[in-house]
C-alpha atoms as a PDB file:
ATOM      1  CA  MET A   1      21.437  66.849  -7.375  1.00  0.00           C
ATOM      2  CA  ASP A   2      23.192  68.551  -3.929  1.00  0.00           C
ATOM      3  CA  LYS A   3      20.693  71.496  -3.813  1.00  0.00           C
ATOM      4  CA  HIS A   4      17.249  71.162  -1.282  1.00  0.00           C
ATOM      5  CA  LEU A   5      13.926  73.006  -1.546  1.00  0.00           C
ATOM      6  CA  ILE A   6      12.654  72.070   2.133  1.00  0.00           C
ATOM      7  CA  VAL A   7       8.812  73.013   1.836  1.00  0.00           C
ATOM      8  CA  ILE A   8       7.039  73.734   4.527  1.00  0.00           C
ATOM      9  CA  ALA A   9       2.908  73.921   4.468  1.00  0.00           C
ATOM     10  CA  GLY A  10      -0.180  73.845   6.486  1.00  0.00           C
ATOM     11  CA  PRO A  11      -3.927  75.443   6.740  1.00  0.00           C
ATOM     12  CA  THR A  12      -3.730  79.234   7.860  1.00  0.00           C
ATOM     13  CA  ALA A  13      -2.941  79.736  11.738  1.00  0.00           C
ATOM     14  CA  SER A  14      -0.797  76.816  11.844  1.00  0.00           C
ATOM     15  CA  GLY A  15       2.581  78.560  12.587  1.00  0.00           C
ATOM     16  CA  LYS A  16       4.723  78.012   9.422  1.00  0.00           C
ATOM     17  CA  THR A  17       6.038  81.729   9.776  1.00  0.00           C
ATOM     18  CA  ALA A  18       7.274  80.701  13.108  1.00  0.00           C
ATOM     19  CA  THR A  19       8.513  76.881  12.376  1.00  0.00           C
ATOM     20  CA  ALA A  20       9.595  78.331   8.893  1.00  0.00           C
ATOM     21  CA  ILE A  21      12.202  80.470  11.553  1.00  0.00           C
ATOM     22  CA  LYS A  22      13.441  77.893  13.686  1.00  0.00           C
ATOM     23  CA  VAL A  23      14.317  75.228  10.618  1.00  0.00           C
ATOM     24  CA  ALA A  24      15.727  78.123   8.588  1.00  0.00           C
ATOM     25  CA  ASN A  25      17.270  79.017  11.662  1.00  0.00           C
ATOM     26  CA  THR A  26      18.843  75.465  12.160  1.00  0.00           C
ATOM     27  CA  LEU A  27      20.328  75.064   8.318  1.00  0.00           C
ATOM     28  CA  GLY A  28      21.538  78.859   7.856  1.00  0.00           C
ATOM     29  CA  THR A  29      19.742  79.540   4.956  1.00  0.00           C
ATOM     30  CA  VAL A  30      16.904  82.098   4.320  1.00  0.00           C
ATOM     31  CA  ILE A  31      13.174  81.508   4.003  1.00  0.00           C
ATOM     32  CA  VAL A  32      10.810  81.878   0.345  1.00  0.00           C
ATOM     33  CA  SER A  33       7.475  82.873   0.818  1.00  0.00           C
ATOM     34  CA  ALA A  34       4.741  81.194  -1.041  1.00  0.00           C
ATOM     35  CA  ASP A  35       1.691  83.328   0.482  1.00  0.00           C
ATOM     36  CA  SER A  36       0.100  85.296  -2.738  1.00  0.00           C
ATOM     37  CA  ARG A  37      -1.523  87.137  -0.252  1.00  0.00           C
ATOM     38  CA  GLN A  38       1.666  88.642   1.838  1.00  0.00           C
ATOM     39  CA  PHE A  39       3.524  89.828  -1.860  1.00  0.00           C
ATOM     40  CA  TYR A  40       0.936  92.968  -0.876  1.00  0.00           C
ATOM     41  CA  LYS A  41       2.963  95.223   1.012  1.00  0.00           C
ATOM     42  CA  GLU A  42       0.353  97.296   1.667  1.00  0.00           C
ATOM     43  CA  ILE A  43      -1.973  94.827   3.530  1.00  0.00           C
ATOM     44  CA  PRO A  44       0.412  93.780   6.323  1.00  0.00           C
ATOM     45  CA  ILE A  45      -1.998  93.137   9.442  1.00  0.00           C
ATOM     46  CA  GLY A  46      -4.711  90.933   7.243  1.00  0.00           C
ATOM     47  CA  THR A  47      -2.465  88.359   5.677  1.00  0.00           C
ATOM     48  CA  ALA A  48      -0.685  88.053   8.722  1.00  0.00           C
ATOM     49  CA  ALA A  49       2.630  88.787   7.374  1.00  0.00           C
ATOM     50  CA  PRO A  50       5.703  88.080   8.916  1.00  0.00           C
ATOM     51  CA  THR A  51       6.524  90.913  11.329  1.00  0.00           C
ATOM     52  CA  GLN A  52       9.823  93.089  11.653  1.00  0.00           C
ATOM     53  CA  ASP A  53      11.335  90.926  14.468  1.00  0.00           C
ATOM     54  CA  GLU A  54      10.261  87.740  12.259  1.00  0.00           C
ATOM     55  CA  LEU A  55      12.104  89.395   9.722  1.00  0.00           C
ATOM     56  CA  SER A  56      15.253  90.617  11.421  1.00  0.00           C
ATOM     57  CA  GLN A  57      15.797  86.862  12.133  1.00  0.00           C
ATOM     58  CA  VAL A  58      15.704  85.399   8.444  1.00  0.00           C
ATOM     59  CA  GLN A  59      16.351  87.055   5.309  1.00  0.00           C
ATOM     60  CA  HIS A  60      12.678  86.147   3.909  1.00  0.00           C
ATOM     61  CA  PHE A  61      11.764  87.063   0.060  1.00  0.00           C
ATOM     62  CA  MET A  62       8.876  87.343  -1.829  1.00  0.00           C
ATOM     63  CA  ILE A  63       7.138  89.156   1.160  1.00  0.00           C
ATOM     64  CA  HIS A  64       5.996  93.125   0.568  1.00  0.00           C
ATOM     65  CA  ASN A  65       7.213  93.052  -3.343  1.00  0.00           C
ATOM     66  CA  LEU A  66       3.898  94.156  -4.879  1.00  0.00           C
ATOM     67  CA  GLU A  67       1.130  96.705  -4.701  1.00  0.00           C
ATOM     68  CA  LEU A  68      -2.038  95.949  -4.528  1.00  0.00           C
ATOM     69  CA  ASP A  69      -2.734  97.245  -8.331  1.00  0.00           C
ATOM     70  CA  GLN A  70       0.584  95.233 -10.045  1.00  0.00           C
ATOM     71  CA  LYS A  71      -0.896  91.675 -11.667  1.00  0.00           C
ATOM     72  CA  TYR A  72       0.638  89.141 -11.077  1.00  0.00           C
ATOM     73  CA  ASP A  73      -0.472  85.786 -10.950  1.00  0.00           C
ATOM     74  CA  VAL A  74       0.982  81.773 -10.379  1.00  0.00           C
ATOM     75  CA  ALA A  75       2.646  81.646 -13.785  1.00  0.00           C
ATOM     76  CA  ASP A  76       4.940  84.685 -12.960  1.00  0.00           C
ATOM     77  CA  TYR A  77       5.372  83.914  -9.358  1.00  0.00           C
ATOM     78  CA  GLU A  78       7.017  80.472 -11.039  1.00  0.00           C
ATOM     79  CA  GLN A  79       9.398  81.942 -13.390  1.00  0.00           C
ATOM     80  CA  ASP A  80      10.242  84.382 -10.091  1.00  0.00           C
ATOM     81  CA  VAL A  81      10.769  82.332  -8.412  1.00  0.00           C
ATOM     82  CA  LEU A  82      12.746  79.445 -10.125  1.00  0.00           C
ATOM     83  CA  ILE A  83      15.297  82.330 -10.929  1.00  0.00           C
ATOM     84  CA  LEU A  84      15.483  83.306  -7.566  1.00  0.00           C
ATOM     85  CA  LEU A  85      16.358  79.995  -6.618  1.00  0.00           C
ATOM     86  CA  LYS A  86      18.915  79.596  -8.940  1.00  0.00           C
ATOM     87  CA  GLU A  87      20.797  82.569  -7.511  1.00  0.00           C
ATOM     88  CA  LEU A  88      19.975  81.195  -3.530  1.00  0.00           C
ATOM     89  CA  PHE A  89      21.699  77.838  -4.243  1.00  0.00           C
ATOM     90  CA  LEU A  90      24.672  79.326  -5.201  1.00  0.00           C
ATOM     91  CA  LYS A  91      25.347  80.815  -1.790  1.00  0.00           C
ATOM     92  CA  TYR A  92      22.648  78.053   0.363  1.00  0.00           C
ATOM     93  CA  ASP A  93      22.804  74.126  -0.431  1.00  0.00           C
ATOM     94  CA  THR A  94      19.114  74.565   0.903  1.00  0.00           C
ATOM     95  CA  VAL A  95      16.606  76.864   1.041  1.00  0.00           C
ATOM     96  CA  VAL A  96      13.073  76.582   3.227  1.00  0.00           C
ATOM     97  CA  LEU A  97       9.928  77.917   1.375  1.00  0.00           C
ATOM     98  CA  THR A  98       6.511  78.449   3.158  1.00  0.00           C
ATOM     99  CA  GLY A  99       3.218  79.650   2.971  1.00  0.00           C
ATOM    100  CA  GLY A 100      -0.233  78.500   2.446  1.00  0.00           C
ATOM    101  CA  SER A 101      -0.899  78.956  -1.306  1.00  0.00           C
ATOM    102  CA  GLY A 102      -1.151  75.323  -2.394  1.00  0.00           C
ATOM    103  CA  LEU A 103      -1.309  76.204  -6.123  1.00  0.00           C
ATOM    104  CA  PHE A 104       2.392  78.437  -5.850  1.00  0.00           C
ATOM    105  CA  ILE A 105       3.858  75.710  -3.907  1.00  0.00           C
ATOM    106  CA  ASP A 106       2.692  73.191  -6.109  1.00  0.00           C
ATOM    107  CA  ALA A 107       4.206  75.686  -9.316  1.00  0.00           C
ATOM    108  CA  VAL A 108       7.421  76.118  -7.696  1.00  0.00           C
ATOM    109  CA  CYS A 109       7.702  71.922  -7.216  1.00  0.00           C
ATOM    110  CA  HIS A 110       6.267  70.940 -10.280  1.00  0.00           C
ATOM    111  CA  GLY A 111       5.771  73.549 -12.641  1.00  0.00           C
ATOM    112  CA  ILE A 112       2.196  74.946 -14.294  1.00  0.00           C
ATOM    113  CA  ASP A 113       1.229  73.720 -17.578  1.00  0.00           C
ATOM    114  CA  GLU A 114       1.510  76.177 -20.464  1.00  0.00           C
ATOM    115  CA  ILE A 115      -1.226  78.877 -21.162  1.00  0.00           C
ATOM    116  CA  PRO A 116      -1.375  80.894 -23.883  1.00  0.00           C
ATOM    117  CA  ASP A 117      -1.125  84.107 -23.475  1.00  0.00           C
ATOM    118  CA  ILE A 118      -4.165  86.100 -23.088  1.00  0.00           C
ATOM    119  CA  SER A 119      -4.973  89.693 -25.283  1.00  0.00           C
ATOM    120  CA  GLU A 120      -5.706  92.413 -23.233  1.00  0.00           C
ATOM    121  CA  LYS A 121      -9.174  92.845 -25.264  1.00  0.00           C
ATOM    122  CA  ASN A 122     -10.189  89.336 -23.359  1.00  0.00           C
ATOM    123  CA  ARG A 123      -9.308  90.474 -19.927  1.00  0.00           C
ATOM    124  CA  ILE A 124     -11.001  93.550 -20.309  1.00  0.00           C
ATOM    125  CA  LEU A 125     -13.487  91.324 -21.519  1.00  0.00           C
ATOM    126  CA  VAL A 126     -13.317  89.429 -18.471  1.00  0.00           C
ATOM    127  CA  ASP A 127     -12.731  91.779 -16.150  1.00  0.00           C
ATOM    128  CA  GLU A 128     -16.025  93.553 -17.185  1.00  0.00           C
ATOM    129  CA  ILE A 129     -17.891  90.624 -16.432  1.00  0.00           C
ATOM    130  CA  TYR A 130     -16.847  90.346 -13.029  1.00  0.00           C
ATOM    131  CA  LYS A 131     -17.692  93.838 -12.379  1.00  0.00           C
ATOM    132  CA  LYS A 132     -20.968  93.854 -13.526  1.00  0.00           C
ATOM    133  CA  GLY A 133     -22.150  90.145 -12.632  1.00  0.00           C
ATOM    134  CA  GLY A 134     -20.090  89.505  -9.044  1.00  0.00           C
ATOM    135  CA  LEU A 135     -18.878  86.299  -8.983  1.00  0.00           C
ATOM    136  CA  LYS A 136     -22.252  83.841 -10.165  1.00  0.00           C
ATOM    137  CA  ALA A 137     -21.321  85.875 -13.644  1.00  0.00           C
ATOM    138  CA  LEU A 138     -18.439  84.031 -13.506  1.00  0.00           C
ATOM    139  CA  GLN A 139     -19.433  81.009 -12.162  1.00  0.00           C
ATOM    140  CA  ASP A 140     -22.181  81.033 -15.288  1.00  0.00           C
ATOM    141  CA  GLU A 141     -19.662  81.622 -17.812  1.00  0.00           C
ATOM    142  CA  VAL A 142     -17.078  79.120 -16.728  1.00  0.00           C
ATOM    143  CA  GLN A 143     -19.647  76.536 -16.043  1.00  0.00           C
ATOM    144  CA  ARG A 144     -21.156  77.081 -20.189  1.00  0.00           C
ATOM    145  CA  LEU A 145     -17.878  76.651 -21.388  1.00  0.00           C
ATOM    146  CA  ASP A 146     -15.968  74.375 -19.924  1.00  0.00           C
ATOM    147  CA  PRO A 147     -18.217  72.605 -17.621  1.00  0.00           C
ATOM    148  CA  ASP A 148     -15.537  69.786 -17.018  1.00  0.00           C
ATOM    149  CA  TYR A 149     -13.469  72.367 -15.025  1.00  0.00           C
ATOM    150  CA  PHE A 150     -16.399  73.855 -13.693  1.00  0.00           C
ATOM    151  CA  LYS A 151     -16.422  70.116 -11.591  1.00  0.00           C
ATOM    152  CA  ILE A 152     -13.381  70.707 -10.045  1.00  0.00           C
ATOM    153  CA  VAL A 153     -12.613  74.706  -9.988  1.00  0.00           C
ATOM    154  CA  ASP A 154     -12.367  76.432  -6.870  1.00  0.00           C
ATOM    155  CA  LYS A 155     -15.851  78.853  -7.446  1.00  0.00           C
ATOM    156  CA  ASN A 156     -15.120  81.276  -4.728  1.00  0.00           C
ATOM    157  CA  ASN A 157     -11.644  81.999  -5.866  1.00  0.00           C
ATOM    158  CA  PRO A 158     -12.469  84.998  -9.134  1.00  0.00           C
ATOM    159  CA  ARG A 159      -9.591  84.632 -10.323  1.00  0.00           C
ATOM    160  CA  ARG A 160      -9.598  80.872 -11.099  1.00  0.00           C
ATOM    161  CA  LEU A 161     -12.788  81.771 -12.703  1.00  0.00           C
ATOM    162  CA  GLN A 162     -11.131  84.818 -14.367  1.00  0.00           C
ATOM    163  CA  ARG A 163      -8.418  82.656 -15.992  1.00  0.00           C
ATOM    164  CA  ALA A 164     -10.249  79.844 -17.208  1.00  0.00           C
ATOM    165  CA  VAL A 165     -12.978  82.325 -18.648  1.00  0.00           C
ATOM    166  CA  GLU A 166      -9.766  84.289 -20.782  1.00  0.00           C
ATOM    167  CA  VAL A 167      -8.145  80.895 -22.026  1.00  0.00           C
ATOM    168  CA  CYS A 168     -11.666  79.903 -23.420  1.00  0.00           C
ATOM    169  CA  TYR A 169     -12.149  83.486 -25.130  1.00  0.00           C
ATOM    170  CA  GLN A 170      -9.068  83.675 -26.235  1.00  0.00           C
ATOM    171  CA  THR A 171      -8.336  80.415 -27.464  1.00  0.00           C
ATOM    172  CA  GLY A 172     -12.224  78.549 -28.450  1.00  0.00           C
ATOM    173  CA  LEU A 173     -11.359  75.652 -26.639  1.00  0.00           C
ATOM    174  CA  PRO A 174     -11.853  74.226 -22.672  1.00  0.00           C
ATOM    175  CA  TYR A 175      -9.264  75.600 -20.835  1.00  0.00           C
ATOM    176  CA  PHE A 176      -9.191  71.679 -18.843  1.00  0.00           C
ATOM    177  CA  SER A 177      -7.627  70.775 -22.610  1.00  0.00           C
ATOM    178  CA  PHE A 178      -4.872  73.137 -21.314  1.00  0.00           C
ATOM    179  CA  ARG A 179      -4.166  71.127 -17.761  1.00  0.00           C
ATOM    180  CA  LYS A 180      -2.060  67.578 -18.740  1.00  0.00           C
ATOM    181  CA  ASN A 181      -0.689  68.472 -14.694  1.00  0.00           C
ATOM    182  CA  THR A 182       2.453  67.560 -15.981  1.00  0.00           C
ATOM    183  CA  LYS A 183       5.205  67.532 -13.970  1.00  0.00           C
ATOM    184  CA  LYS A 184       8.044  69.439 -14.840  1.00  0.00           C
ATOM    185  CA  HIS A 185      12.084  68.491 -13.735  1.00  0.00           C
ATOM    186  CA  ARG A 186      13.377  70.996 -11.351  1.00  0.00           C
ATOM    187  CA  ASP A 187      17.191  70.660 -10.649  1.00  0.00           C
ATOM    188  CA  PHE A 188      16.955  70.211  -6.777  1.00  0.00           C
ATOM    189  CA  ASN A 189      15.432  67.974  -4.505  1.00  0.00           C
ATOM    190  CA  ILE A 190      12.133  68.354  -2.693  1.00  0.00           C
ATOM    191  CA  ILE A 191      11.375  67.748   0.526  1.00  0.00           C
ATOM    192  CA  LYS A 192       7.171  68.403   2.068  1.00  0.00           C
ATOM    193  CA  ILE A 193       6.453  68.983   5.449  1.00  0.00           C
ATOM    194  CA  ALA A 194       3.154  69.363   6.283  1.00  0.00           C
ATOM    195  CA  LEU A 195       1.881  71.092  10.100  1.00  0.00           C
ATOM    196  CA  PHE A 196      -0.692  69.124  11.862  1.00  0.00           C
ATOM    197  CA  CYS A 197      -2.693  70.837  14.040  1.00  0.00           C
ATOM    198  CA  ASP A 198      -6.236  69.470  15.889  1.00  0.00           C
ATOM    199  CA  ARG A 199      -9.084  71.248  14.680  1.00  0.00           C
ATOM    200  CA  ASP A 200     -10.259  72.677  18.167  1.00  0.00           C
ATOM    201  CA  THR A 201      -6.706  74.082  18.280  1.00  0.00           C
ATOM    202  CA  LEU A 202      -6.781  75.473  14.962  1.00  0.00           C
ATOM    203  CA  ILE A 203      -9.945  76.880  15.845  1.00  0.00           C
ATOM    204  CA  ASN A 204      -8.883  78.723  18.970  1.00  0.00           C
ATOM    205  CA  ARG A 205      -5.849  79.962  17.256  1.00  0.00           C
ATOM    206  CA  ILE A 206      -7.163  81.507  14.037  1.00  0.00           C
ATOM    207  CA  ASN A 207      -9.754  83.223  16.459  1.00  0.00           C
ATOM    208  CA  THR A 208      -7.044  84.736  18.592  1.00  0.00           C
ATOM    209  CA  ARG A 209      -5.690  85.470  15.319  1.00  0.00           C
ATOM    210  CA  VAL A 210      -7.811  88.069  14.102  1.00  0.00           C
ATOM    211  CA  GLU A 211      -8.747  89.360  17.616  1.00  0.00           C
ATOM    212  CA  ASN A 212      -4.952  90.210  17.146  1.00  0.00           C
ATOM    213  CA  MET A 213      -4.985  91.776  14.043  1.00  0.00           C
ATOM    214  CA  MET A 214      -8.175  94.051  15.056  1.00  0.00           C
ATOM    215  CA  SER A 215      -6.156  95.088  17.957  1.00  0.00           C
ATOM    216  CA  GLU A 216      -2.994  95.558  15.801  1.00  0.00           C
ATOM    217  CA  GLY A 217      -4.995  97.593  13.330  1.00  0.00           C
ATOM    218  CA  LEU A 218      -6.892  95.520  10.539  1.00  0.00           C
ATOM    219  CA  LEU A 219      -9.003  98.210  10.754  1.00  0.00           C
ATOM    220  CA  ALA A 220      -7.142 100.998   9.639  1.00  0.00           C
ATOM    221  CA  GLU A 221      -5.354  98.885   7.326  1.00  0.00           C
ATOM    222  CA  ALA A 222      -8.761  98.127   5.571  1.00  0.00           C
ATOM    223  CA  LYS A 223     -10.194 101.139   5.352  1.00  0.00           C
ATOM    224  CA  ALA A 224      -7.481 102.753   3.553  1.00  0.00           C
ATOM    225  CA  VAL A 225      -7.408 100.306   0.971  1.00  0.00           C
ATOM    226  CA  TYR A 226     -11.331 100.399   0.930  1.00  0.00           C
ATOM    227  CA  HIS A 227     -11.151 102.737  -2.416  1.00  0.00           C
ATOM    228  CA  LYS A 228      -9.340 100.203  -4.340  1.00  0.00           C
ATOM    229  CA  ARG A 229     -11.635  97.566  -3.615  1.00  0.00           C
ATOM    230  CA  HIS A 230     -12.777  96.298  -6.333  1.00  0.00           C
ATOM    231  CA  LEU A 231      -8.968  94.574  -7.106  1.00  0.00           C
ATOM    232  CA  ASN A 232      -8.952  90.731  -7.071  1.00  0.00           C
ATOM    233  CA  SER A 233      -5.369  91.717  -4.911  1.00  0.00           C
ATOM    234  CA  LEU A 234      -8.476  92.692  -2.095  1.00  0.00           C
ATOM    235  CA  ASN A 235     -10.932  89.971  -2.770  1.00  0.00           C
ATOM    236  CA  THR A 236      -9.709  88.129   0.271  1.00  0.00           C
ATOM    237  CA  VAL A 237     -10.586  87.110   3.950  1.00  0.00           C
ATOM    238  CA  GLY A 238     -10.344  89.525   6.271  1.00  0.00           C
ATOM    239  CA  TYR A 239     -10.814  93.060   3.810  1.00  0.00           C
ATOM    240  CA  LYS A 240     -14.507  91.910   1.825  1.00  0.00           C
ATOM    241  CA  GLU A 241     -15.879  91.690   5.345  1.00  0.00           C
ATOM    242  CA  LEU A 242     -15.070  94.980   6.519  1.00  0.00           C
ATOM    243  CA  PHE A 243     -15.689  96.191   3.168  1.00  0.00           C
ATOM    244  CA  GLU A 244     -18.983  94.904   3.749  1.00  0.00           C
ATOM    245  CA  TYR A 245     -19.354  96.681   7.259  1.00  0.00           C
ATOM    246  CA  PHE A 246     -18.067 100.068   5.556  1.00  0.00           C
ATOM    247  CA  ASP A 247     -20.627  99.438   2.963  1.00  0.00           C
ATOM    248  CA  GLY A 248     -23.111  99.132   5.846  1.00  0.00           C
ATOM    249  CA  ARG A 249     -24.431  95.756   5.510  1.00  0.00           C
ATOM    250  CA  ILE A 250     -23.297  94.118   8.163  1.00  0.00           C
ATOM    251  CA  SER A 251     -21.912  95.755  11.879  1.00  0.00           C
ATOM    252  CA  LEU A 252     -18.370  95.595  12.716  1.00  0.00           C
ATOM    253  CA  ASN A 253     -18.948  92.699  15.519  1.00  0.00           C
ATOM    254  CA  GLN A 254     -20.530  90.619  12.554  1.00  0.00           C
ATOM    255  CA  ALA A 255     -17.821  91.590  10.169  1.00  0.00           C
ATOM    256  CA  VAL A 256     -15.555  90.250  12.506  1.00  0.00           C
ATOM    257  CA  GLU A 257     -17.201  86.875  13.355  1.00  0.00           C
ATOM    258  CA  GLN A 258     -17.841  86.443   9.674  1.00  0.00           C
ATOM    259  CA  ILE A 259     -13.821  87.001   9.012  1.00  0.00           C
ATOM    260  CA  LYS A 260     -13.140  84.088  11.929  1.00  0.00           C
ATOM    261  CA  ILE A 261     -16.062  81.539   9.724  1.00  0.00           C
ATOM    262  CA  SER A 262     -14.322  82.287   6.553  1.00  0.00           C
ATOM    263  CA  THR A 263     -10.720  81.951   7.780  1.00  0.00           C
ATOM    264  CA  ARG A 264     -11.680  78.553   9.494  1.00  0.00           C
ATOM    265  CA  GLN A 265     -13.565  77.407   5.944  1.00  0.00           C
ATOM    266  CA  TYR A 266     -10.089  78.714   4.149  1.00  0.00           C
ATOM    267  CA  ALA A 267      -8.077  76.531   6.598  1.00  0.00           C
ATOM    268  CA  LYS A 268     -10.657  73.486   6.277  1.00  0.00           C
ATOM    269  CA  ARG A 269      -9.643  73.982   2.195  1.00  0.00           C
ATOM    270  CA  GLN A 270      -6.429  74.126   2.856  1.00  0.00           C
ATOM    271  CA  MET A 271      -6.218  71.038   4.893  1.00  0.00           C
ATOM    272  CA  THR A 272      -8.611  69.145   2.406  1.00  0.00           C
ATOM    273  CA  TRP A 273      -5.342  70.165  -0.365  1.00  0.00           C
ATOM    274  CA  LEU A 274      -2.417  69.148   1.786  1.00  0.00           C
ATOM    275  CA  ARG A 275      -4.238  65.436   2.501  1.00  0.00           C
ATOM    276  CA  LYS A 276      -4.309  64.955  -1.357  1.00  0.00           C
ATOM    277  CA  ASN A 277      -0.693  65.046  -1.667  1.00  0.00           C
ATOM    278  CA  ASN A 278       1.066  61.949  -0.243  1.00  0.00           C
ATOM    279  CA  ASP A 279       4.786  63.045  -0.071  1.00  0.00           C
ATOM    280  CA  TYR A 280       4.223  65.148   2.737  1.00  0.00           C
ATOM    281  CA  LYS A 281       5.584  64.200   6.088  1.00  0.00           C
ATOM    282  CA  TRP A 282       3.228  65.139   9.223  1.00  0.00           C
ATOM    283  CA  PHE A 283       4.682  67.216  12.395  1.00  0.00           C
ATOM    284  CA  THR A 284       3.328  69.414  15.047  1.00  0.00           C
ATOM    285  CA  ILE A 285       4.901  72.385  15.807  1.00  0.00           C
ATOM    286  CA  ASP A 286       6.167  70.389  18.766  1.00  0.00           C
ATOM    287  CA  GLU A 287       7.969  68.416  16.885  1.00  0.00           C
ATOM    288  CA  ILE A 288      11.134  70.796  15.229  1.00  0.00           C
ATOM    289  CA  PRO A 289      13.864  68.611  16.488  1.00  0.00           C
ATOM    290  CA  SER A 290      11.991  65.470  15.032  1.00  0.00           C
ATOM    291  CA  MET A 291      11.058  67.432  11.693  1.00  0.00           C
ATOM    292  CA  ILE A 292      14.949  68.945  11.946  1.00  0.00           C
ATOM    293  CA  GLU A 293      16.322  65.006  12.414  1.00  0.00           C
ATOM    294  CA  TYR A 294      14.098  64.128   9.144  1.00  0.00           C
ATOM    295  CA  ILE A 295      15.164  67.304   6.808  1.00  0.00           C
ATOM    296  CA  TYR A 296      18.915  66.004   7.920  1.00  0.00           C
ATOM    297  CA  SER A 297      18.374  62.359   7.283  1.00  0.00           C
ATOM    298  CA  ILE A 298      16.513  62.635   4.189  1.00  0.00           C
ATOM    299  CA  ILE A 299      19.571  65.342   2.930  1.00  0.00           C
ATOM    300  CA  ASN A 300      22.053  62.890   3.820  1.00  0.00           C
ATOM    301  CA  ILE A 301      20.252  59.859   2.082  1.00  0.00           C
ATOM    302  CA  GLN A 302      19.841  61.808  -1.614  1.00  0.00           C
ATOM    303  CA  SER A 303      23.209  62.939  -1.170  1.00  0.00           C
ATOM    304  CA  ASP A 304      24.406  59.056  -0.908  1.00  0.00           C
ATOM    305  CA  ILE A 305      22.676  58.451  -3.845  1.00  0.00           C
ATOM    306  CA  SER A 306      24.044  61.066  -5.679  1.00  0.00           C
END
């Protein structure tokens, strides 16, 4: 195999976008986003999507490609990106994949388990459970139907919980029984890089990013999509907190501080996921020359083997 996918992962605000652009420019290639929040074109500020200047430096794919109310999950993403990579590898020997959504990165690199199709009836039924009872209702239902999966699922991620309940309703079997974690063959090599940022530096970067988002118009952006707040695509950091402000439950200052806290918590979960993956090579954002050298060394070794 002489085609290489360069994965650049890391916690939010660690510098993935800037790093990916530098790497892609050095390699003379393009970038595919694996940030599930940046798919949606209506919310560029709160998702820290690449700016127009950054997009002009390197061609990006899977950025602003969806409407907020479009149904789209990790299985759709896996299929779309594999088709995209097949086309890109006709032109490029390397492609950069970057983002903070670990599940989406793993889907491209290793595949996801085959899950039965869900009927519209069951989708609506589970959606009603969430609308009426919120996150707690979904958590209770997963714990009742599939206690093994409940032990490991991200209990604050409604879409993961909904998916598990849908499968249980559709098949009468635990969702956990469909999770075989069998890696699928890919016809390209994968080089995984993770960005390290010490805790204090990351906290400062997160706080600065949130403040910049507010000055760039996050409040107005959230207000513009407030009427769609029931959508899963908006059940995310930055919007949930401002929706509470719009509802009169908290002050604007409290909302901004909560965004910072929630973002730090999200970054911590991302780091936990990365540390469980031993196939990542860690670099800081100041070590890009060493990063490039590492990439070329792996490519050369794999080319010799081929």
